[in-house]
């Protein structure tokens, strides 16, 4: 590497040290996948003998952009032409030439590999000149598949379009080309989309080999922003024995995955795709000693709890629902726990639904004014039996008393959350209770029209009355 350039930048990435040169004031960094990457800049000794400036240390603050540049560098380092070796044995890209000949070393911008795959001859298998007469593979599939896919959006889309219309032989060729780099592609911003697309095609035997390359790092990929998508696709297309192996890898850190913003989707996909009798170890990790309550209030755990309730066996379902019902009032007012309660009200059965409604007694009006608990009351009115709806509507009407009924309902009709409960009552309550609501709305229509939520209540009542009138007209016999 030349010594005449103004700056030398050193990239520290674990045990790999790569040196690149560039002009002064040309701030092009080569970041790595790690968030803690450190780039050291120092001024090279000048020819005049003046002292160099002190080193400055900067941290890469954009992991996604760092990931893209690091994969671009890996693809650039794997390309045999125009590469050199520094003093520590690391292969690096030579400084691009000033001449910009089409397809030459200077066609890439700032030393990055060119967006379009160059037609070079070499051990990488790229084409040079016209194809052989006996070659059946199209030009689009024989041209640096692994280099087009991981680093650029256009390359990823190119691979996805090519796979859609490719033959079995061409798909097998693509599998063989990218197989050694499957883990690198799985964590790439654009390469993960191509990997997911490829997994939807091809023979079963090659899919098994492809997924086998992911095994051993299922947990690490599940915790990654892009790798989690590839693992979810692997659960969808893998055979039963491979699904069990991947599930066993996740079983070591179930709670960590459930709390992770990416791995929780992998756990949900595992619960969907693997029979419940084979993943009892995952279910048992999610209940007991307050775990169900704790996970129900977690921003990611609440989704996993709902998925477990939908797919687990009756024994685990009973244990988890008992723990949730025990804290149903607290969960109903929680930002995330209310979704678990709503799921249980909709799919938990009539007995558990009635038990929860009885626990809400004497708190229904207060819950109707709450931002999250009001959604739970609406679910009770939607899916509850006649007795449950009667209990809720009677308590709301009784809370106003005889003399202050109009003021009580007016407060609820103009409230941002209680107004939704009133609109649901109009549809689900008994005839006499609906008449009370309609009478209050008609007598205070002018006041309600001044409020946004009041106008919504009036519109709901009008829709209900119009639908009932149409139903009565259909029932009346047509005069001869």
Protein backbone atom coordinates (compact mmCIF):
# COMPACT_ATOMS: atom_id res chain seq x y z
CA UNK A 1 0.00 0.00 0.00
CA UNK A 2 1.35 3.44 -0.87
CA UNK A 3 2.70 5.82 1.79
CA UNK A 4 2.04 9.09 -0.07
CA UNK A 5 -1.60 9.47 0.78
CA UNK A 6 -2.65 12.07 3.32
CA UNK A 7 -4.66 9.86 5.71
CA UNK A 8 -4.64 6.27 6.89
CA UNK A 9 -7.75 4.73 8.41
CA UNK A 10 -7.64 1.60 10.50
CA UNK A 11 -10.72 -0.59 10.86
CA UNK A 12 -10.85 -2.73 14.00
CA UNK A 13 -13.33 -5.58 13.79
CA UNK A 14 -12.59 -8.32 16.34
CA UNK A 15 -9.35 -9.96 15.15
CA UNK A 16 -9.54 -8.62 11.58
CA UNK A 17 -7.45 -5.52 10.82
CA UNK A 18 -7.78 -4.03 7.37
CA UNK A 19 -6.02 -0.89 6.16
CA UNK A 20 -7.34 1.27 3.36
CA UNK A 21 -6.01 4.52 1.91
CA UNK A 22 -7.85 7.52 0.53
CA UNK A 23 -7.34 11.21 -0.15
CA UNK A 24 -7.28 13.88 2.52
CA UNK A 25 -10.68 15.08 3.76
CA UNK A 26 -12.35 12.17 1.94
CA UNK A 27 -14.38 10.67 4.80
CA UNK A 28 -15.29 7.23 3.61
CA UNK A 29 -15.43 4.71 6.49
CA UNK A 30 -15.59 0.96 6.19
CA UNK A 31 -17.84 -0.04 9.09
CA UNK A 32 -18.53 -3.54 10.38
CA UNK A 33 -21.62 -5.44 11.47
CA UNK A 34 -20.90 -4.86 15.16
CA UNK A 35 -22.46 -1.83 16.81
CA UNK A 36 -19.29 -1.19 18.82
CA UNK A 37 -17.02 -0.76 15.82
CA UNK A 38 -14.31 1.83 16.29
CA UNK A 39 -12.70 3.77 13.46
CA UNK A 40 -9.41 5.46 14.25
CA UNK A 41 -8.27 8.35 12.09
CA UNK A 42 -4.73 9.67 12.18
CA UNK A 43 -2.84 12.06 10.02
CA UNK A 44 0.01 10.42 8.11
CA UNK A 45 3.51 11.89 8.54
CA UNK A 46 4.07 14.65 6.07
CA UNK A 47 7.11 14.94 3.85
CA UNK A 48 8.05 18.28 5.43
CA UNK A 49 8.72 16.71 8.82
CA UNK A 50 5.90 18.42 10.71
CA UNK A 51 4.23 16.51 13.52
CA UNK A 52 0.99 14.71 12.81
CA UNK A 53 -2.27 15.48 14.58
CA UNK A 54 -3.43 13.42 17.54
CA UNK A 55 -5.61 10.38 16.79
CA UNK A 56 -9.36 10.77 17.07
CA UNK A 57 -11.76 7.91 17.81
CA UNK A 58 -15.30 7.84 16.48
CA UNK A 59 -18.09 5.29 16.93
CA UNK A 60 -20.40 4.12 14.17
CA UNK A 61 -23.90 5.17 15.16
CA UNK A 62 -25.98 3.63 12.33
CA UNK A 63 -25.85 -0.19 12.59
CA UNK A 64 -28.06 -0.72 9.53
CA UNK A 65 -25.85 1.40 7.29
CA UNK A 66 -22.81 -0.22 8.89
CA UNK A 67 -24.18 -3.64 8.05
CA UNK A 68 -24.71 -2.67 4.42
CA UNK A 69 -21.22 -1.23 4.02
CA UNK A 70 -19.57 -4.17 5.75
CA UNK A 71 -21.27 -6.69 3.45
CA UNK A 72 -20.29 -4.54 0.49
CA UNK A 73 -16.72 -4.69 1.68
CA UNK A 74 -16.89 -8.48 2.10
CA UNK A 75 -18.13 -8.85 -1.47
CA UNK A 76 -15.39 -6.52 -2.64
CA UNK A 77 -12.73 -8.43 -0.72
CA UNK A 78 -13.87 -11.77 -2.20
CA UNK A 79 -13.45 -10.49 -5.77
CA UNK A 80 -10.06 -11.72 -7.08
CA UNK A 81 -9.34 -8.91 -9.58
CA UNK A 82 -7.89 -5.63 -8.33
CA UNK A 83 -7.19 -6.98 -4.83
CA UNK A 84 -4.05 -6.69 -2.74
CA UNK A 85 -2.79 -7.99 0.61
CA UNK A 86 -1.68 -5.71 3.40
CA UNK A 87 1.08 -6.32 5.93
CA UNK A 88 -1.15 -8.42 8.19
CA UNK A 89 -2.37 -10.78 5.51
CA UNK A 90 -5.82 -9.22 4.99
CA UNK A 91 -7.08 -8.92 1.42
CA UNK A 92 -8.17 -5.40 0.56
CA UNK A 93 -9.38 -3.53 -2.50
CA UNK A 94 -6.82 -1.49 -4.34
CA UNK A 95 -7.37 2.18 -4.91
CA UNK A 96 -9.64 2.62 -7.95
CA UNK A 97 -8.09 3.88 -11.12
CA UNK A 98 -8.77 7.41 -12.30
CA UNK A 99 -9.72 6.14 -15.73
CA UNK A 100 -13.36 5.06 -15.88
CA UNK A 101 -13.39 2.41 -18.54
CA UNK A 102 -16.67 0.45 -18.73
CA UNK A 103 -16.28 -2.76 -16.77
CA UNK A 104 -12.78 -1.82 -15.53
CA UNK A 105 -11.46 -1.42 -12.01
CA UNK A 106 -12.56 2.20 -11.88
CA UNK A 107 -16.23 1.53 -12.69
CA UNK A 108 -17.14 1.24 -9.00
CA UNK A 109 -17.93 4.41 -7.06
CA UNK A 110 -15.29 5.21 -4.39
CA UNK A 111 -13.82 1.74 -4.52
CA UNK A 112 -17.08 -0.16 -3.95
CA UNK A 113 -17.88 -3.02 -6.33
CA UNK A 114 -19.87 -1.84 -9.36
CA UNK A 115 -23.65 -2.10 -9.18
CA UNK A 116 -23.73 -4.23 -12.31
CA UNK A 117 -21.72 -7.42 -12.25
CA UNK A 118 -18.62 -7.05 -14.47
CA UNK A 119 -18.02 -9.65 -17.16
CA UNK A 120 -14.63 -10.85 -15.93
CA UNK A 121 -12.96 -14.18 -16.35
CA UNK A 122 -11.50 -15.85 -13.28
CA UNK A 123 -12.06 -18.44 -10.61
CA UNK A 124 -15.33 -16.80 -9.54
CA UNK A 125 -17.11 -18.22 -12.58
CA UNK A 126 -18.19 -14.96 -14.21
CA UNK A 127 -18.71 -14.88 -17.94
CA UNK A 128 -16.21 -13.34 -20.30
CA UNK A 129 -17.50 -12.66 -23.78
CA UNK A 130 -20.27 -14.69 -25.42
CA UNK A 131 -21.65 -17.83 -23.79
CA UNK A 132 -20.61 -21.27 -24.79
CA UNK A 133 -22.68 -22.90 -27.47
CA UNK A 134 -23.63 -25.79 -25.17
CA UNK A 135 -24.51 -23.63 -22.18
CA UNK A 136 -28.17 -23.75 -21.18
CA UNK A 137 -28.08 -21.45 -18.13
CA UNK A 138 -29.20 -17.90 -18.93
CA UNK A 139 -26.81 -15.01 -18.64
CA UNK A 140 -28.78 -13.53 -15.73
CA UNK A 141 -28.14 -16.56 -13.50
CA UNK A 142 -24.48 -17.23 -14.34
CA UNK A 143 -23.27 -13.78 -13.29
CA UNK A 144 -22.00 -13.43 -9.73
CA UNK A 145 -25.20 -14.42 -7.92
CA UNK A 146 -23.74 -14.07 -4.46
CA UNK A 147 -22.19 -10.68 -5.23
CA UNK A 148 -25.35 -9.18 -6.67
CA UNK A 149 -27.56 -10.41 -3.87
CA UNK A 150 -26.13 -9.28 -0.53
CA UNK A 151 -25.09 -5.70 -1.12
CA UNK A 152 -27.56 -3.90 -3.35
CA UNK A 153 -31.32 -3.51 -3.59
CA UNK A 154 -31.21 -3.92 -7.37
CA UNK A 155 -29.20 -7.11 -7.08
CA UNK A 156 -31.64 -8.59 -4.57
CA UNK A 157 -34.62 -7.78 -6.76
CA UNK A 158 -32.78 -9.20 -9.76
CA UNK A 159 -32.30 -12.55 -7.99
CA UNK A 160 -35.94 -12.65 -6.83
CA UNK A 161 -37.26 -12.01 -10.34
CA UNK A 162 -34.86 -14.51 -11.87
CA UNK A 163 -35.88 -17.27 -9.44
CA UNK A 164 -39.57 -16.81 -10.23
CA UNK A 165 -39.11 -17.75 -13.87
CA UNK A 166 -36.14 -20.09 -13.54
CA UNK A 167 -36.09 -23.81 -14.26
CA UNK A 168 -35.20 -26.45 -11.69
CA UNK A 169 -31.64 -26.72 -13.00
CA UNK A 170 -31.15 -22.97 -12.73
CA UNK A 171 -32.52 -22.89 -9.20
CA UNK A 172 -30.16 -25.70 -8.21
CA UNK A 173 -27.30 -23.65 -9.66
CA UNK A 174 -28.38 -20.68 -7.52
CA UNK A 175 -28.50 -22.90 -4.43
CA UNK A 176 -24.97 -24.13 -5.05
CA UNK A 177 -23.70 -20.61 -5.68
CA UNK A 178 -25.01 -19.02 -2.47
CA UNK A 179 -24.82 -22.04 -0.14
CA UNK A 180 -21.41 -21.14 1.37
CA UNK A 181 -22.59 -17.58 2.09
CA UNK A 182 -26.06 -18.30 3.46
CA UNK A 183 -25.41 -16.84 6.90
CA UNK A 184 -23.91 -13.68 5.44
CA UNK A 185 -26.91 -13.23 3.17
CA UNK A 186 -29.38 -13.97 5.98
CA UNK A 187 -28.26 -10.93 7.97
CA UNK A 188 -28.02 -8.59 4.99
CA UNK A 189 -30.51 -5.80 4.45
CA UNK A 190 -31.30 -6.92 0.91
CA UNK A 191 -29.90 -10.42 0.78
CA UNK A 192 -32.42 -11.76 3.31
CA UNK A 193 -35.26 -11.09 0.85
CA UNK A 194 -33.50 -13.09 -1.85
CA UNK A 195 -32.88 -15.97 0.58
CA UNK A 196 -36.56 -16.06 1.56
CA UNK A 197 -37.54 -16.11 -2.10
CA UNK A 198 -35.12 -18.90 -2.93
CA UNK A 199 -36.46 -21.04 -0.06
CA UNK A 200 -39.87 -21.05 -1.74
CA UNK A 201 -38.45 -22.80 -4.80
CA UNK A 202 -36.27 -25.73 -5.63
CA UNK A 203 -36.09 -29.43 -4.72
CA UNK A 204 -36.68 -30.55 -1.17
CA UNK A 205 -33.20 -32.03 -0.86
CA UNK A 206 -31.53 -28.67 -1.56
CA UNK A 207 -33.83 -26.93 0.90
CA UNK A 208 -32.69 -29.40 3.57
CA UNK A 209 -29.04 -28.67 2.83
CA UNK A 210 -29.75 -24.94 2.79
CA UNK A 211 -31.51 -25.02 6.18
CA UNK A 212 -28.76 -27.26 7.56
CA UNK A 213 -26.32 -24.40 6.97
CA UNK A 214 -28.49 -22.21 9.23
CA UNK A 215 -28.54 -24.71 12.08
CA UNK A 216 -26.17 -24.02 14.90
CA UNK A 217 -26.84 -20.29 14.68
CA UNK A 218 -30.64 -20.25 14.83
CA UNK A 219 -30.65 -18.29 18.09
CA UNK A 220 -28.21 -15.67 16.83
CA UNK A 221 -30.09 -15.21 13.57
CA UNK A 222 -33.41 -15.00 15.42
CA UNK A 223 -32.10 -12.07 17.45
CA UNK A 224 -31.05 -10.24 14.28
CA UNK A 225 -33.17 -7.67 12.48
CA UNK A 226 -32.97 -9.45 9.12
CA UNK A 227 -31.96 -12.94 10.17
CA UNK A 228 -35.22 -13.44 12.06
CA UNK A 229 -37.12 -13.26 8.75
CA UNK A 230 -35.02 -16.03 7.23
CA UNK A 231 -35.56 -18.27 10.28
CA UNK A 232 -39.31 -17.71 10.09
CA UNK A 233 -39.27 -18.75 6.44
CA UNK A 234 -37.16 -21.77 7.36
CA UNK A 235 -39.83 -22.87 9.87
CA UNK A 236 -42.44 -22.63 7.12
CA UNK A 237 -40.62 -24.71 4.50
CA UNK A 238 -38.50 -27.07 6.62
CA UNK A 239 -39.37 -30.70 7.24
CA UNK A 240 -40.52 -31.93 10.62
CA UNK A 241 -37.16 -33.16 11.91
CA UNK A 242 -35.41 -29.90 11.03
CA UNK A 243 -38.17 -27.89 12.69
CA UNK A 244 -37.59 -29.83 15.90
CA UNK A 245 -33.84 -29.16 15.78
CA UNK A 246 -34.39 -25.43 15.30
CA UNK A 247 -36.97 -25.38 18.09
CA UNK A 248 -34.49 -27.09 20.43
CA UNK A 249 -31.95 -24.34 19.72
CA UNK A 250 -34.52 -21.71 20.67
CA UNK A 251 -35.53 -23.67 23.78
CA UNK A 252 -32.31 -22.69 25.56
CA UNK A 253 -33.26 -18.99 25.66
CA UNK A 254 -37.05 -18.89 25.34
CA UNK A 255 -37.65 -15.94 27.66
CA UNK A 256 -34.87 -13.94 26.05
CA UNK A 257 -36.41 -14.53 22.63
CA UNK A 258 -39.90 -13.65 23.83
CA UNK A 259 -38.66 -10.28 25.12
CA UNK A 260 -36.69 -9.50 21.98
CA UNK A 261 -38.23 -7.27 19.32
CA UNK A 262 -37.15 -9.64 16.53
CA UNK A 263 -36.90 -13.09 18.06
CA UNK A 264 -40.47 -12.97 19.41
CA UNK A 265 -41.70 -13.37 15.82
CA UNK A 266 -39.57 -16.50 15.47
CA UNK A 267 -41.11 -17.95 18.65
CA UNK A 268 -44.59 -17.23 17.31
CA UNK A 269 -43.76 -18.89 13.99
CA UNK A 270 -42.32 -21.90 15.83
CA UNK A 271 -45.55 -22.25 17.83
CA UNK A 272 -47.58 -22.10 14.61
CA UNK A 273 -45.50 -24.54 12.56
CA UNK A 274 -44.44 -27.17 15.11
CA UNK A 275 -47.06 -29.48 16.72
CA UNK A 276 -47.68 -28.52 20.33
CA UNK A 277 -46.78 -31.97 21.67
CA UNK A 278 -43.17 -31.48 20.47
CA UNK A 279 -42.60 -28.02 22.00
CA UNK A 280 -43.93 -28.51 25.51
CA UNK A 281 -40.59 -27.18 26.81
CA UNK A 282 -41.39 -23.81 25.22
CA UNK A 283 -44.88 -23.68 26.71
CA UNK A 284 -43.66 -24.62 30.18
CA UNK A 285 -41.18 -21.75 30.09
CA UNK A 286 -44.00 -19.22 29.71
CA UNK A 287 -46.26 -19.91 32.67
CA UNK A 288 -45.95 -20.45 36.41
CA UNK A 289 -44.71 -18.14 39.19
CA UNK A 290 -46.30 -15.07 37.59
CA UNK A 291 -44.66 -15.50 34.17
CA UNK A 292 -47.92 -15.29 32.23
CA UNK A 293 -48.86 -12.06 34.00
CA UNK A 294 -45.40 -10.59 33.48
CA UNK A 295 -45.25 -11.49 29.79
CA UNK A 296 -48.79 -10.22 29.19
CA UNK A 297 -47.64 -6.71 30.16
CA UNK A 298 -44.57 -6.88 27.89
CA UNK A 299 -44.71 -5.13 24.49
CA UNK A 300 -43.53 -8.29 22.69
CA UNK A 301 -44.48 -10.94 25.20
CA UNK A 302 -48.18 -10.11 24.94
CA UNK A 303 -48.18 -11.33 21.31
CA UNK A 304 -46.46 -14.58 22.27
CA UNK A 305 -48.96 -15.21 25.09
CA UNK A 306 -51.85 -14.85 22.66
CA UNK A 307 -50.18 -17.28 20.26
CA UNK A 308 -49.62 -19.80 23.07
CA UNK A 309 -53.28 -19.58 24.12
CA UNK A 310 -54.29 -20.29 20.52
CA UNK A 311 -52.06 -23.37 19.98
CA UNK A 312 -51.21 -24.96 23.34
CA UNK A 313 -52.81 -28.09 24.79
CA UNK A 314 -55.74 -27.89 27.27
CA UNK A 315 -53.57 -28.43 30.35
CA UNK A 316 -51.28 -25.48 29.65
CA UNK A 317 -54.23 -23.39 28.43
CA UNK A 318 -56.03 -23.90 31.73
CA UNK A 319 -52.93 -23.01 33.77
CA UNK A 320 -52.24 -19.80 31.83
CA UNK A 321 -55.86 -18.60 31.75
CA UNK A 322 -56.18 -19.14 35.50
CA UNK A 323 -53.17 -16.90 36.08
CA UNK A 324 -54.50 -14.26 33.68
CA UNK A 325 -58.03 -14.24 35.15
CA UNK A 326 -56.56 -13.82 38.61
CA UNK A 327 -55.10 -10.45 37.54
CA UNK A 328 -57.68 -9.58 34.89
CA UNK A 329 -58.51 -6.11 36.26
CA UNK A 330 -54.87 -5.03 36.31
CA UNK A 331 -54.22 -6.48 32.85
CA UNK A 332 -57.33 -4.79 31.42
CA UNK A 333 -55.93 -1.37 32.31
CA UNK A 334 -52.44 -2.19 31.02
CA UNK A 335 -51.17 -0.84 27.72
CA UNK A 336 -50.32 -4.33 26.44
CA UNK A 337 -52.14 -6.63 28.83
CA UNK A 338 -55.54 -5.51 27.57
CA UNK A 339 -54.87 -7.30 24.26
CA UNK A 340 -54.37 -10.61 26.08
CA UNK A 341 -57.65 -10.09 27.97
CA UNK A 342 -59.46 -9.26 24.73
CA UNK A 343 -58.08 -12.42 23.12
CA UNK A 344 -59.28 -14.50 26.05
CA UNK A 345 -62.73 -12.89 25.93
CA UNK A 346 -63.03 -13.72 22.25
CA UNK A 347 -61.58 -17.26 22.24
CA UNK A 348 -61.59 -18.40 25.85
CA UNK A 349 -65.10 -19.83 26.04
CA UNK A 350 -68.36 -18.77 27.71
CA UNK A 351 -67.44 -19.96 31.22
CA UNK A 352 -64.19 -17.98 31.39
CA UNK A 353 -65.88 -14.97 29.78
CA UNK A 354 -68.61 -14.91 32.42
CA UNK A 355 -66.01 -15.24 35.17
CA UNK A 356 -64.13 -12.20 33.90
CA UNK A 357 -67.32 -10.12 33.55
CA UNK A 358 -68.22 -10.90 37.13
CA UNK A 359 -64.79 -9.70 38.23
CA UNK A 360 -65.46 -6.42 36.40
CA UNK A 361 -68.64 -5.80 38.42
CA UNK A 362 -68.76 -2.44 40.26
CA UNK A 363 -65.83 -1.24 38.07
CA UNK A 364 -67.52 -1.14 34.66
CA UNK A 365 -68.20 2.61 34.54
CA UNK A 366 -64.67 3.46 35.62
CA UNK A 367 -63.28 1.02 33.07
CA UNK A 368 -65.42 2.63 30.34
CA UNK A 369 -63.59 5.93 30.88
CA UNK A 370 -60.17 4.25 30.72
CA UNK A 371 -58.10 4.35 27.53
CA UNK A 372 -57.32 0.60 27.49
CA UNK A 373 -59.97 -0.94 29.75
CA UNK A 374 -62.74 0.52 27.59
CA UNK A 375 -61.64 -1.84 24.79
CA UNK A 376 -62.15 -4.77 27.16
CA UNK A 377 -65.71 -3.63 28.00
CA UNK A 378 -66.48 -3.40 24.27
CA UNK A 379 -65.27 -6.99 23.81
CA UNK A 380 -67.51 -8.10 26.68
CA UNK A 381 -70.51 -6.51 24.97
CA UNK A 382 -69.57 -8.02 21.60
CA UNK A 383 -68.86 -11.63 22.61
CA UNK A 384 -70.63 -11.94 25.96
CA UNK A 385 -73.83 -13.90 26.47
CA UNK A 386 -77.15 -12.24 27.22
CA UNK A 387 -76.49 -12.37 30.95
CA UNK A 388 -73.08 -10.70 30.57
CA UNK A 389 -74.43 -7.88 28.42
CA UNK A 390 -77.35 -7.36 30.78
CA UNK A 391 -74.99 -7.05 33.75
CA UNK A 392 -72.84 -4.43 31.99
CA UNK A 393 -75.65 -2.26 30.59
CA UNK A 394 -77.64 -2.37 33.83
CA UNK A 395 -74.65 -1.18 35.84
CA UNK A 396 -73.98 1.69 33.43
CA UNK A 397 -77.60 2.84 33.51
CA UNK A 398 -77.88 2.44 37.28
CA UNK A 399 -74.75 4.55 37.83
CA UNK A 400 -76.64 7.65 36.61
CA UNK A 401 -79.50 7.32 39.10
CA UNK A 402 -82.97 8.60 38.37
CA UNK A 403 -82.47 12.36 38.44
CA UNK A 404 -79.00 12.69 36.91
CA UNK A 405 -79.38 10.13 34.11
CA UNK A 406 -79.05 12.72 31.34
CA UNK A 407 -75.87 14.23 32.82
CA UNK A 408 -74.38 10.77 33.34
CA UNK A 409 -74.99 9.68 29.74
CA UNK A 410 -73.92 13.05 28.34
CA UNK A 411 -70.56 12.73 30.09
CA UNK A 412 -70.10 9.28 28.61
CA UNK A 413 -71.23 10.28 25.11
CA UNK A 414 -68.69 13.10 24.80
CA UNK A 415 -65.82 11.18 26.39
CA UNK A 416 -63.21 9.87 23.90
CA UNK A 417 -63.29 6.33 25.34
CA UNK A 418 -66.69 5.95 27.03
CA UNK A 419 -68.42 7.09 23.82
CA UNK A 420 -67.22 3.87 22.13
CA UNK A 421 -68.85 1.83 24.89
CA UNK A 422 -72.12 3.73 24.39
CA UNK A 423 -72.01 3.04 20.64
CA UNK A 424 -71.54 -0.67 21.32
CA UNK A 425 -74.41 -0.59 23.82
CA UNK A 426 -76.73 0.80 21.15
CA UNK A 427 -76.18 -2.36 19.10
CA UNK A 428 -76.12 -4.98 21.87
CA UNK A 429 -78.47 -3.71 24.62
CA UNK A 430 -82.12 -4.64 25.08
CA UNK A 431 -84.96 -2.65 23.52
CA UNK A 432 -85.89 -0.70 26.64
CA UNK A 433 -82.27 0.19 27.34
CA UNK A 434 -81.79 1.40 23.77
CA UNK A 435 -84.87 3.61 24.12
CA UNK A 436 -83.26 5.27 27.12
CA UNK A 437 -80.10 6.00 25.14
CA UNK A 438 -82.04 7.29 22.14
CA UNK A 439 -84.15 9.55 24.36
CA UNK A 440 -81.08 11.12 25.99
CA UNK A 441 -79.40 11.64 22.61
CA UNK A 442 -82.49 13.30 21.08
CA UNK A 443 -83.07 15.65 24.00
CA UNK A 444 -79.40 16.77 23.99
CA UNK A 445 -78.72 16.59 20.22
CA UNK A 446 -77.70 20.26 19.94
CA UNK A 447 -75.11 19.90 22.71
CA UNK A 448 -73.79 16.58 21.37
CA UNK A 449 -73.25 18.06 17.91
CA UNK A 450 -70.64 20.43 19.37
CA UNK A 451 -68.37 17.52 20.30
CA UNK A 452 -66.56 15.14 17.97
CA UNK A 453 -67.40 12.03 19.97
CA UNK A 454 -70.95 13.24 20.52
CA UNK A 455 -71.46 13.40 16.77
CA UNK A 456 -70.11 9.84 16.50
CA UNK A 457 -72.70 8.63 19.01
CA UNK A 458 -75.54 10.35 17.11
CA UNK A 459 -74.32 8.79 13.84
CA UNK A 460 -74.22 5.33 15.46
CA UNK A 461 -77.77 5.73 16.78
CA UNK A 462 -79.02 6.86 13.37
CA UNK A 463 -77.39 3.87 11.66
CA UNK A 464 -78.95 1.51 14.17
CA UNK A 465 -82.44 3.00 13.78
CA UNK A 466 -82.16 2.96 9.98
CA UNK A 467 -81.08 -0.69 9.97
CA UNK A 468 -83.94 -1.66 12.30
CA UNK A 469 -86.44 0.19 10.09
CA UNK A 470 -85.20 -1.67 7.02
CA UNK A 471 -85.49 -4.98 8.85
CA UNK A 472 -89.08 -4.23 9.89
CA UNK A 473 -90.01 -3.32 6.32
CA UNK A 474 -88.73 -6.67 5.09
CA UNK A 475 -90.82 -8.52 7.67
CA UNK A 476 -94.08 -6.77 6.78
CA UNK A 477 -96.17 -8.65 4.16
CA UNK A 478 -96.55 -6.99 0.78
CA UNK A 479 -100.12 -5.73 0.16
CA UNK A 480 -101.90 -7.46 -2.75
